[in-house]
């Protein structure tokens, strides 16, 4: 059937989703590192945003 992933693919995606969810539960809400954040202003660039 077109447009539907095989069961194996669906189960791998489900496992990845639930593994990521478990990380969020275990580790909480982690901050995004400054070096990968957007730096739309000069001040933000000077503070280290967007350096990566």
C-alpha atoms as a PDB file:
ATOM      1  CA  UNK A   1       0.000   0.000   0.000  1.00  0.00           C
ATOM      2  CA  UNK A   2       1.404   3.413  -0.924  1.00  0.00           C
ATOM      3  CA  UNK A   3       1.955   6.141   1.634  1.00  0.00           C
ATOM      4  CA  UNK A   4       2.045   3.843   4.635  1.00  0.00           C
ATOM      5  CA  UNK A   5       5.398   2.921   6.166  1.00  0.00           C
ATOM      6  CA  UNK A   6       6.084  -0.751   6.780  1.00  0.00           C
ATOM      7  CA  UNK A   7       5.480  -1.952  10.330  1.00  0.00           C
ATOM      8  CA  UNK A   8       9.231  -2.199  10.992  1.00  0.00           C
ATOM      9  CA  UNK A   9       9.721   1.481  10.135  1.00  0.00           C
ATOM     10  CA  UNK A  10       6.759   2.488  12.271  1.00  0.00           C
ATOM     11  CA  UNK A  11       8.051   0.537  15.257  1.00  0.00           C
ATOM     12  CA  UNK A  12      11.515   2.118  14.929  1.00  0.00           C
ATOM     13  CA  UNK A  13       9.965   5.582  14.768  1.00  0.00           C
ATOM     14  CA  UNK A  14       7.818   4.794  17.785  1.00  0.00           C
ATOM     15  CA  UNK A  15      10.852   3.569  19.723  1.00  0.00           C
ATOM     16  CA  UNK A  16      12.809   6.720  18.823  1.00  0.00           C
ATOM     17  CA  UNK A  17       9.882   8.884  19.916  1.00  0.00           C
ATOM     18  CA  UNK A  18       9.477   7.142  23.251  1.00  0.00           C
ATOM     19  CA  UNK A  19      13.253   7.123  23.857  1.00  0.00           C
ATOM     20  CA  UNK A  20      13.312  10.890  23.285  1.00  0.00           C
ATOM     21  CA  UNK A  21      10.285  11.321  25.552  1.00  0.00           C
ATOM     22  CA  UNK A  22      12.050   9.325  28.290  1.00  0.00           C
ATOM     23  CA  UNK A  23      15.071  11.638  27.973  1.00  0.00           C
ATOM     24  CA  UNK A  24      12.827  14.673  28.460  1.00  0.00           C
ATOM     25  CA  UNK A  25      11.239  13.094  31.521  1.00  0.00           C
ATOM     26  CA  UNK A  26      14.634  12.074  32.973  1.00  0.00           C
ATOM     27  CA  UNK A  27      16.619  15.204  32.124  1.00  0.00           C
ATOM     28  CA  UNK A  28      13.931  17.867  32.201  1.00  0.00           C
ATOM     29  CA  UNK A  29      13.812  20.971  30.042  1.00  0.00           C
ATOM     30  CA  UNK A  30      17.418  21.593  28.989  1.00  0.00           C
ATOM     31  CA  UNK A  31      18.561  24.973  27.697  1.00  0.00           C
ATOM     32  CA  UNK A  32      19.608  25.290  24.065  1.00  0.00           C
ATOM     33  CA  UNK A  33      23.374  25.961  23.940  1.00  0.00           C
ATOM     34  CA  UNK A  34      24.239  29.565  23.030  1.00  0.00           C
ATOM     35  CA  UNK A  35      26.491  28.579  20.132  1.00  0.00           C
ATOM     36  CA  UNK A  36      23.586  27.102  18.161  1.00  0.00           C
ATOM     37  CA  UNK A  37      21.017  29.807  18.952  1.00  0.00           C
ATOM     38  CA  UNK A  38      20.062  32.505  16.465  1.00  0.00           C
ATOM     39  CA  UNK A  39      21.979  35.815  16.822  1.00  0.00           C
ATOM     40  CA  UNK A  40      19.855  38.530  15.181  1.00  0.00           C
ATOM     41  CA  UNK A  41      21.518  41.427  17.022  1.00  0.00           C
ATOM     42  CA  UNK A  42      25.104  42.560  17.548  1.00  0.00           C
ATOM     43  CA  UNK A  43      24.703  42.208  21.323  1.00  0.00           C
ATOM     44  CA  UNK A  44      23.642  38.591  20.978  1.00  0.00           C
ATOM     45  CA  UNK A  45      26.650  37.857  18.738  1.00  0.00           C
ATOM     46  CA  UNK A  46      28.916  39.472  21.343  1.00  0.00           C
ATOM     47  CA  UNK A  47      27.359  37.292  24.046  1.00  0.00           C
ATOM     48  CA  UNK A  48      28.233  34.141  22.093  1.00  0.00           C
ATOM     49  CA  UNK A  49      24.952  33.373  20.379  1.00  0.00           C
ATOM     50  CA  UNK A  50      25.278  31.788  16.944  1.00  0.00           C
ATOM     51  CA  UNK A  51      28.995  31.019  17.184  1.00  0.00           C
ATOM     52  CA  UNK A  52      28.622  27.405  16.068  1.00  0.00           C
END
